[in-house]
C-alpha atoms as a PDB file:
ATOM      1  CA  MET A   1       0.151 -37.737  32.531  1.00  0.00           C
ATOM      2  CA  ASN A   2       0.006 -38.840  28.907  1.00  0.00           C
ATOM      3  CA  PHE A   3      -2.470 -41.361  27.518  1.00  0.00           C
ATOM      4  CA  ASP A   4      -0.115 -44.369  27.629  1.00  0.00           C
ATOM      5  CA  ALA A   5       0.865 -43.774  31.255  1.00  0.00           C
ATOM      6  CA  ALA A   6      -2.767 -43.227  32.287  1.00  0.00           C
ATOM      7  CA  ALA A   7      -3.845 -46.395  30.463  1.00  0.00           C
ATOM      8  CA  LEU A   8      -1.214 -48.491  32.234  1.00  0.00           C
ATOM      9  CA  ALA A   9      -2.156 -46.947  35.586  1.00  0.00           C
ATOM     10  CA  TYR A  10      -5.788 -47.884  34.972  1.00  0.00           C
ATOM     11  CA  VAL A  11      -4.971 -51.502  34.082  1.00  0.00           C
ATOM     12  CA  ARG A  12      -2.742 -51.908  37.162  1.00  0.00           C
ATOM     13  CA  TYR A  13      -5.508 -50.509  39.333  1.00  0.00           C
ATOM     14  CA  VAL A  14      -8.050 -52.982  37.918  1.00  0.00           C
ATOM     15  CA  LEU A  15      -5.623 -55.865  38.461  1.00  0.00           C
ATOM     16  CA  GLU A  16      -5.137 -54.844  42.088  1.00  0.00           C
ATOM     17  CA  ASP A  17      -8.812 -54.138  42.739  1.00  0.00           C
ATOM     18  CA  LYS A  18      -9.996 -57.433  41.238  1.00  0.00           C
ATOM     19  CA  ASN A  19      -6.999 -59.416  42.551  1.00  0.00           C
ATOM     20  CA  LEU A  20      -6.334 -60.833  39.081  1.00  0.00           C
ATOM     21  CA  LYS A  21      -3.301 -61.767  37.020  1.00  0.00           C
ATOM     22  CA  PRO A  22      -2.981 -60.116  33.568  1.00  0.00           C
ATOM     23  CA  GLY A  23      -3.919 -63.355  31.802  1.00  0.00           C
ATOM     24  CA  ALA A  24      -7.057 -63.797  33.894  1.00  0.00           C
ATOM     25  CA  LEU A  25      -8.115 -60.194  33.337  1.00  0.00           C
ATOM     26  CA  ALA A  26      -7.573 -60.526  29.593  1.00  0.00           C
ATOM     27  CA  LYS A  27      -9.734 -63.668  29.475  1.00  0.00           C
ATOM     28  CA  LYS A  28     -12.588 -62.091  31.436  1.00  0.00           C
ATOM     29  CA  ALA A  29     -12.444 -58.894  29.330  1.00  0.00           C
ATOM     30  CA  GLY A  30     -12.302 -60.816  26.057  1.00  0.00           C
ATOM     31  CA  ILE A  31      -8.928 -59.572  24.861  1.00  0.00           C
ATOM     32  CA  SER A  32      -5.610 -61.198  24.026  1.00  0.00           C
ATOM     33  CA  ALA A  33      -3.369 -61.921  27.020  1.00  0.00           C
ATOM     34  CA  SER A  34      -0.318 -60.741  25.103  1.00  0.00           C
ATOM     35  CA  THR A  35      -1.974 -57.338  24.622  1.00  0.00           C
ATOM     36  CA  LEU A  36      -1.761 -56.744  28.366  1.00  0.00           C
ATOM     37  CA  THR A  37       1.496 -58.495  29.157  1.00  0.00           C
ATOM     38  CA  ARG A  38       3.443 -56.666  26.446  1.00  0.00           C
ATOM     39  CA  ALA A  39       2.240 -53.287  27.655  1.00  0.00           C
ATOM     40  CA  LEU A  40       2.732 -54.064  31.355  1.00  0.00           C
ATOM     41  CA  ASN A  41       6.143 -55.699  31.046  1.00  0.00           C
ATOM     42  CA  ASP A  42       7.614 -53.297  28.495  1.00  0.00           C
ATOM     43  CA  PRO A  43       6.005 -49.807  28.521  1.00  0.00           C
ATOM     44  CA  LYS A  44       8.304 -48.805  25.632  1.00  0.00           C
ATOM     45  CA  HIS A  45       6.953 -51.574  23.401  1.00  0.00           C
ATOM     46  CA  LYS A  46       5.574 -50.333  20.087  1.00  0.00           C
ATOM     47  CA  PHE A  47       2.220 -52.012  20.784  1.00  0.00           C
ATOM     48  CA  LYS A  48       0.224 -49.717  23.063  1.00  0.00           C
ATOM     49  CA  LEU A  49      -3.083 -50.188  24.825  1.00  0.00           C
ATOM     50  CA  SER A  50      -5.904 -48.882  22.642  1.00  0.00           C
ATOM     51  CA  MET A  51      -9.079 -47.199  23.794  1.00  0.00           C
ATOM     52  CA  SER A  52     -11.139 -50.178  22.607  1.00  0.00           C
ATOM     53  CA  THR A  53      -9.036 -52.460  24.834  1.00  0.00           C
ATOM     54  CA  LEU A  54      -9.537 -50.169  27.821  1.00  0.00           C
ATOM     55  CA  GLU A  55     -13.278 -50.015  27.185  1.00  0.00           C
ATOM     56  CA  LYS A  56     -13.498 -53.827  27.239  1.00  0.00           C
ATOM     57  CA  ILE A  57     -11.673 -53.870  30.568  1.00  0.00           C
ATOM     58  CA  ALA A  58     -14.001 -51.173  31.897  1.00  0.00           C
ATOM     59  CA  ASP A  59     -17.079 -53.116  30.724  1.00  0.00           C
ATOM     60  CA  PHE A  60     -15.935 -56.159  32.670  1.00  0.00           C
ATOM     61  CA  SER A  61     -14.566 -54.454  35.777  1.00  0.00           C
ATOM     62  CA  LYS A  62     -17.247 -51.733  36.089  1.00  0.00           C
ATOM     63  CA  ILE A  63     -14.423 -49.382  37.118  1.00  0.00           C
ATOM     64  CA  ASN A  64     -14.755 -45.944  35.559  1.00  0.00           C
ATOM     65  CA  LEU A  65     -11.927 -45.149  33.142  1.00  0.00           C
ATOM     66  CA  ALA A  66     -12.531 -41.397  32.868  1.00  0.00           C
ATOM     67  CA  PRO A  67     -10.742 -40.198  36.057  1.00  0.00           C
ATOM     68  CA  PHE A  68      -7.515 -41.882  34.981  1.00  0.00           C
ATOM     69  CA  LEU A  69      -7.498 -40.400  31.507  1.00  0.00           C
ATOM     70  CA  GLU A  70      -8.415 -36.925  32.725  1.00  0.00           C
ATOM     71  CA  ALA A  71      -5.906 -37.059  35.614  1.00  0.00           C
ATOM     72  CA  LYS A  72      -7.170 -33.768  37.025  1.00  0.00           C
ATOM     73  CA  ASP A  73      -6.045 -32.544  40.416  1.00  0.00           C
ATOM     74  CA  THR A  74      -8.078 -32.565  43.619  1.00  0.00           C
ATOM     75  CA  ALA A  75      -8.994 -28.887  43.456  1.00  0.00           C
ATOM     76  CA  GLU A  76     -10.309 -29.090  39.906  1.00  0.00           C
ATOM     77  CA  LEU A  77     -12.242 -32.303  40.517  1.00  0.00           C
ATOM     78  CA  SER A  78     -13.750 -31.033  43.779  1.00  0.00           C
ATOM     79  CA  LEU A  79     -14.668 -27.534  42.634  1.00  0.00           C
ATOM     80  CA  ILE A  80     -16.197 -28.455  39.295  1.00  0.00           C
ATOM     81  CA  THR A  81     -19.213 -30.059  40.989  1.00  0.00           C
ATOM     82  CA  ALA A  82     -19.795 -27.326  43.541  1.00  0.00           C
ATOM     83  CA  HIS A  83     -19.695 -24.567  40.951  1.00  0.00           C
ATOM     84  CA  SER A  84     -21.725 -26.393  38.335  1.00  0.00           C
ATOM     85  CA  SER A  85     -24.909 -24.723  37.101  1.00  0.00           C
ATOM     86  CA  THR A  86     -26.734 -27.998  37.798  1.00  0.00           C
ATOM     87  CA  LEU A  87     -25.874 -28.014  41.513  1.00  0.00           C
ATOM     88  CA  TYR A  88     -29.063 -26.202  42.523  1.00  0.00           C
ATOM     89  CA  LYS A  89     -32.434 -27.686  41.689  1.00  0.00           C
ATOM     90  CA  PRO A  90     -34.998 -25.335  43.238  1.00  0.00           C
ATOM     91  CA  GLY A  91     -38.571 -26.497  43.361  1.00  0.00           C
ATOM     92  CA  ASN A  92     -40.064 -23.066  42.704  1.00  0.00           C
ATOM     93  CA  PRO A  93     -40.283 -22.438  38.910  1.00  0.00           C
ATOM     94  CA  LYS A  94     -39.460 -18.754  39.475  1.00  0.00           C
ATOM     95  CA  GLU A  95     -36.185 -19.718  41.148  1.00  0.00           C
ATOM     96  CA  ARG A  96     -35.025 -21.823  38.196  1.00  0.00           C
ATOM     97  CA  SER A  97     -34.437 -18.763  36.034  1.00  0.00           C
ATOM     98  CA  ARG A  98     -32.168 -17.114  38.593  1.00  0.00           C
ATOM     99  CA  THR A  99     -28.407 -17.404  38.791  1.00  0.00           C
ATOM    100  CA  HIS A 100     -27.232 -18.999  42.023  1.00  0.00           C
ATOM    101  CA  ALA A 101     -23.649 -17.997  42.795  1.00  0.00           C
ATOM    102  CA  PHE A 102     -21.543 -20.005  45.208  1.00  0.00           C
ATOM    103  CA  LYS A 103     -20.025 -17.161  47.234  1.00  0.00           C
ATOM    104  CA  VAL A 104     -18.036 -19.120  49.809  1.00  0.00           C
ATOM    105  CA  THR A 105     -14.658 -20.855  49.785  1.00  0.00           C
ATOM    106  CA  LEU A 106     -14.676 -24.635  49.966  1.00  0.00           C
ATOM    107  CA  ILE A 107     -12.283 -26.548  52.215  1.00  0.00           C
ATOM    108  CA  ILE A 108     -11.242 -29.470  50.042  1.00  0.00           C
ATOM    109  CA  GLY A 109      -8.784 -31.528  52.043  1.00  0.00           C
ATOM    110  CA  ASP A 110      -5.758 -31.845  54.300  1.00  0.00           C
ATOM    111  CA  VAL A 111      -2.039 -31.313  53.844  1.00  0.00           C
ATOM    112  CA  ALA A 112       0.429 -33.605  55.604  1.00  0.00           C
ATOM    113  CA  VAL A 113       3.645 -35.425  54.791  1.00  0.00           C
ATOM    114  CA  GLY A 114       3.434 -39.181  54.305  1.00  0.00           C
ATOM    115  CA  VAL A 115      -0.365 -39.350  54.200  1.00  0.00           C
ATOM    116  CA  TRP A 116      -1.578 -40.919  50.963  1.00  0.00           C
ATOM    117  CA  ARG A 117      -5.187 -41.062  49.808  1.00  0.00           C
ATOM    118  CA  ASP A 118      -7.052 -42.139  46.715  1.00  0.00           C
ATOM    119  CA  ALA A 119      -6.817 -39.701  43.835  1.00  0.00           C
ATOM    120  CA  GLY A 120     -10.098 -37.997  43.042  1.00  0.00           C
ATOM    121  CA  PRO A 121     -12.519 -35.345  44.288  1.00  0.00           C
ATOM    122  CA  VAL A 122     -12.944 -34.590  47.993  1.00  0.00           C
ATOM    123  CA  ASN A 123     -16.385 -34.524  49.592  1.00  0.00           C
ATOM    124  CA  TYR A 124     -16.344 -30.898  50.688  1.00  0.00           C
ATOM    125  CA  PHE A 125     -19.430 -31.481  52.871  1.00  0.00           C
ATOM    126  CA  ASP A 126     -17.085 -33.318  55.251  1.00  0.00           C
ATOM    127  CA  TYR A 127     -15.151 -30.094  55.849  1.00  0.00           C
ATOM    128  CA  GLY A 128     -17.616 -27.260  55.500  1.00  0.00           C
ATOM    129  CA  SER A 129     -16.757 -23.919  53.962  1.00  0.00           C
ATOM    130  CA  LEU A 130     -15.209 -20.553  54.735  1.00  0.00           C
ATOM    131  CA  HIS A 131     -17.537 -17.585  54.618  1.00  0.00           C
ATOM    132  CA  ILE A 132     -14.766 -15.488  53.125  1.00  0.00           C
ATOM    133  CA  THR A 133     -13.315 -15.404  49.652  1.00  0.00           C
ATOM    134  CA  SER A 134     -11.016 -13.332  47.458  1.00  0.00           C
ATOM    135  CA  THR A 135     -11.754  -9.841  46.198  1.00  0.00           C
ATOM    136  CA  ILE A 136      -9.564 -10.510  43.148  1.00  0.00           C
ATOM    137  CA  HIS A 137     -10.325 -14.107  42.185  1.00  0.00           C
ATOM    138  CA  GLU A 138     -13.697 -15.693  41.453  1.00  0.00           C
ATOM    139  CA  PRO A 139     -15.053 -18.146  44.071  1.00  0.00           C
ATOM    140  CA  ASN A 140     -14.518 -21.081  41.698  1.00  0.00           C
ATOM    141  CA  GLU A 141     -10.788 -20.239  41.679  1.00  0.00           C
ATOM    142  CA  CYS A 142     -10.501 -20.285  45.488  1.00  0.00           C
ATOM    143  CA  PHE A 143     -10.241 -23.173  47.946  1.00  0.00           C
ATOM    144  CA  ALA A 144      -8.665 -24.041  51.275  1.00  0.00           C
ATOM    145  CA  PHE A 145      -6.733 -26.877  52.902  1.00  0.00           C
ATOM    146  CA  VAL A 146      -6.270 -27.796  56.562  1.00  0.00           C
ATOM    147  CA  ALA A 147      -2.715 -28.275  57.854  1.00  0.00           C
ATOM    148  CA  ARG A 148      -2.755 -31.635  59.665  1.00  0.00           C
ATOM    149  CA  ASP A 149       0.872 -31.712  60.790  1.00  0.00           C
ATOM    150  CA  ALA A 150       3.851 -29.421  61.358  1.00  0.00           C
ATOM    151  CA  SER A 151       5.609 -30.312  58.086  1.00  0.00           C
ATOM    152  CA  ALA A 152       5.114 -26.767  56.770  1.00  0.00           C
ATOM    153  CA  ASN A 153       5.692 -24.877  60.018  1.00  0.00           C
ATOM    154  CA  ILE A 154       7.502 -22.056  58.208  1.00  0.00           C
ATOM    155  CA  VAL A 155       4.140 -21.278  56.595  1.00  0.00           C
ATOM    156  CA  ALA A 156       1.447 -22.757  58.831  1.00  0.00           C
ATOM    157  CA  ASP A 157       1.022 -24.613  62.109  1.00  0.00           C
ATOM    158  CA  GLU A 158      -1.006 -27.761  62.572  1.00  0.00           C
ATOM    159  CA  GLY A 159      -4.712 -26.896  62.485  1.00  0.00           C
ATOM    160  CA  ASP A 160      -4.303 -23.715  60.431  1.00  0.00           C
ATOM    161  CA  LEU A 161      -6.267 -23.136  57.240  1.00  0.00           C
ATOM    162  CA  LEU A 162      -4.435 -22.315  54.002  1.00  0.00           C
ATOM    163  CA  PHE A 163      -6.453 -20.090  51.683  1.00  0.00           C
ATOM    164  CA  CYS A 164      -5.416 -20.851  48.106  1.00  0.00           C
ATOM    165  CA  THR A 165      -6.108 -19.877  44.530  1.00  0.00           C
ATOM    166  CA  LYS A 166      -5.498 -21.815  41.337  1.00  0.00           C
ATOM    167  CA  PRO A 167      -1.940 -21.453  40.005  1.00  0.00           C
ATOM    168  CA  ASN A 168      -1.307 -19.549  36.808  1.00  0.00           C
ATOM    169  CA  ASP A 169       1.756 -20.659  34.876  1.00  0.00           C
ATOM    170  CA  ALA A 170       1.750 -17.677  32.503  1.00  0.00           C
ATOM    171  CA  MET A 171       1.429 -15.052  35.252  1.00  0.00           C
ATOM    172  CA  ALA A 172       4.122 -16.657  37.397  1.00  0.00           C
ATOM    173  CA  ASN A 173       6.592 -16.743  34.524  1.00  0.00           C
ATOM    174  CA  THR A 174       5.873 -13.142  33.546  1.00  0.00           C
ATOM    175  CA  PHE A 175       6.274 -11.827  37.087  1.00  0.00           C
ATOM    176  CA  LEU A 176       9.393 -13.749  38.032  1.00  0.00           C
ATOM    177  CA  LYS A 177      11.236 -12.951  34.798  1.00  0.00           C
ATOM    178  CA  ALA A 178      10.946  -9.211  35.344  1.00  0.00           C
ATOM    179  CA  PRO A 179      14.354  -7.460  35.588  1.00  0.00           C
ATOM    180  CA  GLY A 180      15.618  -7.548  39.131  1.00  0.00           C
ATOM    181  CA  PHE A 181      13.196 -10.287  40.181  1.00  0.00           C
ATOM    182  CA  GLU A 182      14.752 -13.317  38.461  1.00  0.00           C
ATOM    183  CA  ASP A 183      15.570 -15.033  41.757  1.00  0.00           C
ATOM    184  CA  LEU A 184      12.452 -14.039  43.664  1.00  0.00           C
ATOM    185  CA  SER A 185      10.692 -16.900  45.374  1.00  0.00           C
ATOM    186  CA  GLY A 186       7.216 -17.788  44.161  1.00  0.00           C
ATOM    187  CA  GLY A 187       6.113 -18.304  47.765  1.00  0.00           C
ATOM    188  CA  ALA A 188       4.171 -21.220  49.269  1.00  0.00           C
ATOM    189  CA  VAL A 189       2.252 -23.639  47.075  1.00  0.00           C
ATOM    190  CA  ILE A 190       0.123 -26.746  47.486  1.00  0.00           C
ATOM    191  CA  VAL A 191       1.718 -29.754  45.793  1.00  0.00           C
ATOM    192  CA  GLU A 192       0.101 -33.062  44.881  1.00  0.00           C
ATOM    193  CA  ARG A 193       2.548 -35.918  44.586  1.00  0.00           C
ATOM    194  CA  ARG A 194       1.246 -38.942  42.717  1.00  0.00           C
ATOM    195  CA  SER A 195       2.291 -42.500  43.496  1.00  0.00           C
ATOM    196  CA  LYS A 196       3.966 -44.569  40.784  1.00  0.00           C
ATOM    197  CA  ASN A 197       0.657 -46.090  39.695  1.00  0.00           C
ATOM    198  CA  ALA A 198      -1.070 -42.669  39.895  1.00  0.00           C
ATOM    199  CA  PHE A 199      -3.857 -43.935  42.169  1.00  0.00           C
ATOM    200  CA  LYS A 200      -2.645 -42.385  45.416  1.00  0.00           C
ATOM    201  CA  ILE A 201      -1.717 -38.781  46.136  1.00  0.00           C
ATOM    202  CA  GLU A 202       0.130 -37.000  48.929  1.00  0.00           C
ATOM    203  CA  THR A 203      -0.755 -33.322  49.441  1.00  0.00           C
ATOM    204  CA  THR A 204       1.839 -31.052  51.040  1.00  0.00           C
ATOM    205  CA  VAL A 205       2.898 -27.424  51.295  1.00  0.00           C
ATOM    206  CA  ARG A 206       6.171 -26.525  49.554  1.00  0.00           C
ATOM    207  CA  LEU A 207       8.105 -23.370  48.770  1.00  0.00           C
ATOM    208  CA  ILE A 208       8.801 -22.711  45.099  1.00  0.00           C
ATOM    209  CA  ARG A 209      11.398 -20.584  43.352  1.00  0.00           C
ATOM    210  CA  ARG A 210      13.451 -20.459  40.170  1.00  0.00           C
ATOM    211  CA  ARG A 211      16.456 -22.770  40.080  1.00  0.00           C
ATOM    212  CA  ARG A 212      19.647 -21.147  41.347  1.00  0.00           C
ATOM    213  CA  ASP A 213      22.101 -23.262  39.333  1.00  0.00           C
ATOM    214  CA  GLY A 214      21.638 -21.407  36.049  1.00  0.00           C
ATOM    215  CA  VAL A 215      19.422 -24.117  34.546  1.00  0.00           C
ATOM    216  CA  PRO A 216      15.956 -22.981  33.380  1.00  0.00           C
ATOM    217  CA  GLY A 217      13.248 -24.348  35.601  1.00  0.00           C
ATOM    218  CA  TRP A 218      11.911 -24.362  39.146  1.00  0.00           C
ATOM    219  CA  GLU A 219      12.601 -26.067  42.427  1.00  0.00           C
ATOM    220  CA  LEU A 220      10.266 -27.140  45.203  1.00  0.00           C
ATOM    221  CA  LEU A 221      11.732 -26.665  48.676  1.00  0.00           C
ATOM    222  CA  SER A 222      10.747 -27.824  52.122  1.00  0.00           C
ATOM    223  CA  ALA A 223       8.554 -25.532  54.230  1.00  0.00           C
ATOM    224  CA  HIS A 224       9.776 -27.198  57.442  1.00  0.00           C
ATOM    225  CA  ASP A 225      12.303 -25.284  59.541  1.00  0.00           C
ATOM    226  CA  LYS A 226      14.224 -28.404  60.631  1.00  0.00           C
ATOM    227  CA  ASP A 227      15.348 -28.922  57.029  1.00  0.00           C
ATOM    228  CA  TYR A 228      17.327 -25.674  57.185  1.00  0.00           C
ATOM    229  CA  GLU A 229      19.214 -26.091  60.461  1.00  0.00           C
ATOM    230  CA  THR A 230      22.901 -25.334  59.884  1.00  0.00           C
ATOM    231  CA  ASN A 231      24.115 -27.935  62.394  1.00  0.00           C
ATOM    232  CA  THR A 232      22.162 -30.811  60.782  1.00  0.00           C
ATOM    233  CA  PRO A 233      24.525 -33.543  59.475  1.00  0.00           C
ATOM    234  CA  LYS A 234      24.637 -33.626  55.691  1.00  0.00           C
ATOM    235  CA  THR A 235      23.961 -37.361  55.792  1.00  0.00           C
ATOM    236  CA  LYS A 236      20.636 -36.861  57.531  1.00  0.00           C
ATOM    237  CA  ARG A 237      17.717 -37.218  55.149  1.00  0.00           C
ATOM    238  CA  PRO A 238      15.510 -34.109  55.093  1.00  0.00           C
ATOM    239  CA  LEU A 239      11.827 -34.369  55.954  1.00  0.00           C
ATOM    240  CA  ILE A 240      10.997 -33.004  52.501  1.00  0.00           C
ATOM    241  CA  ALA A 241      13.568 -33.350  49.730  1.00  0.00           C
ATOM    242  CA  ARG A 242      14.237 -30.735  47.059  1.00  0.00           C
ATOM    243  CA  VAL A 243      12.484 -31.411  43.732  1.00  0.00           C
ATOM    244  CA  LEU A 244      13.505 -29.917  40.379  1.00  0.00           C
ATOM    245  CA  LEU A 245      10.813 -29.035  37.837  1.00  0.00           C
ATOM    246  CA  ASP A 246      10.974 -27.971  34.212  1.00  0.00           C
ATOM    247  CA  HIS A 247       7.678 -26.095  34.502  1.00  0.00           C
ATOM    248  CA  TYR A 248       6.049 -24.053  37.234  1.00  0.00           C
ATOM    249  CA  LEU A 249       2.933 -26.237  37.256  1.00  0.00           C
ATOM    250  CA  GLY A 250       5.000 -29.385  37.801  1.00  0.00           C
ATOM    251  CA  ASN A 251       5.176 -32.739  36.043  1.00  0.00           C
ATOM    252  CA  ASP A 252       3.472 -36.144  36.068  1.00  0.00           C
ATOM    253  CA  GLU A 253       4.639 -36.896  39.619  1.00  0.00           C
ATOM    254  CA  TYR A 254       4.619 -33.479  41.298  1.00  0.00           C
ATOM    255  CA  ARG A 255       1.832 -31.061  40.444  1.00  0.00           C
ATOM    256  CA  VAL A 256       1.392 -27.512  41.778  1.00  0.00           C
ATOM    257  CA  VAL A 257      -2.359 -27.290  42.377  1.00  0.00           C
ATOM    258  CA  GLY A 258      -2.662 -24.115  44.435  1.00  0.00           C
ATOM    259  CA  GLU A 259      -0.907 -20.934  45.479  1.00  0.00           C
ATOM    260  CA  VAL A 260      -1.192 -20.122  49.186  1.00  0.00           C
ATOM    261  CA  GLN A 261      -2.439 -16.540  49.473  1.00  0.00           C
ATOM    262  CA  TYR A 262      -2.746 -16.361  53.240  1.00  0.00           C
ATOM    263  CA  VAL A 263      -3.076 -18.500  56.369  1.00  0.00           C
ATOM    264  CA  ILE A 264      -5.964 -18.428  58.814  1.00  0.00           C
ATOM    265  CA  LYS A 265      -4.706 -19.362  62.264  1.00  0.00           C
ATOM    266  CA  ASP A 266      -6.416 -22.227  64.021  1.00  0.00           C
ATOM    267  CA  ASN A 267      -7.613 -20.132  66.934  1.00  0.00           C
ATOM    268  CA  MET A 268      -9.083 -17.489  64.584  1.00  0.00           C
ATOM    269  CA  ALA A 269     -10.892 -19.596  61.998  1.00  0.00           C
ATOM    270  CA  ALA A 270     -13.990 -20.158  64.113  1.00  0.00           C
ATOM    271  CA  VAL A 271     -14.128 -16.486  65.095  1.00  0.00           C
ATOM    272  CA  ILE A 272     -13.907 -15.302  61.495  1.00  0.00           C
ATOM    273  CA  ASN A 273     -16.647 -17.648  60.354  1.00  0.00           C
ATOM    274  CA  PHE A 274     -18.871 -16.611  63.257  1.00  0.00           C
ATOM    275  CA  LEU A 275     -18.448 -12.911  62.526  1.00  0.00           C
ATOM    276  CA  GLN A 276     -19.193 -13.464  58.849  1.00  0.00           C
ATOM    277  CA  SER A 277     -22.480 -15.159  59.748  1.00  0.00           C
ATOM    278  CA  VAL A 278     -23.671 -12.375  62.066  1.00  0.00           C
ATOM    279  CA  ARG A 279     -26.247 -10.094  60.472  1.00  0.00           C
END
């Protein structure tokens, strides 16, 4: 999301949160009413919202501007705190000089179709952690989601855990462009879909592959078996529609935030965690 789009999303959020009209917000923030109305009514207008204008709105509303301008995904926002060097504050002076590594995988949310939540970090303490991680990727590049419905039943059943790693645009392009592998699917990915005002997100599992129509780019496909039934009427709307992307990592509306490496079945997750804790 570029600056202008993020700025407009922030202003719309403040208007909704404070239940104000643009003119009333402008008056309370000490700015010209036309500054807001021009930007809100005509996003292509040459007069854009400046940082000083946004700061005045933030001063009045007490709503933090930073998350909207950064527009980072759930995984990045959630993991950055857990893997920060300031997370641990040991009382023993001898402990302060030691490096404390976070050697577990955090569960940072749910995946389900049609479930929208506020954009921002997830409180991983609500989910706990997996006592397993990758042997290839660092712990701060690994995370997990819980499947809360059957919308991705080709990949995972409801209740399963999806072990993921951060996506790598460069590596994906290099691998899939190799001779003989141009049409190879990229596998299952975690996708964040942002609402029009960018304040709500839906997290789902999709399948990704290169476009098959000769146009450079990618396509996100449904991971639900019902969307591939041959006897389904063409007029029936699929559970998850196909989405075309110019880039592997997505766009302002659809963002690939994780690559599913493997699935931990619901009836095995507790067993695996128990065995990992046994000394």
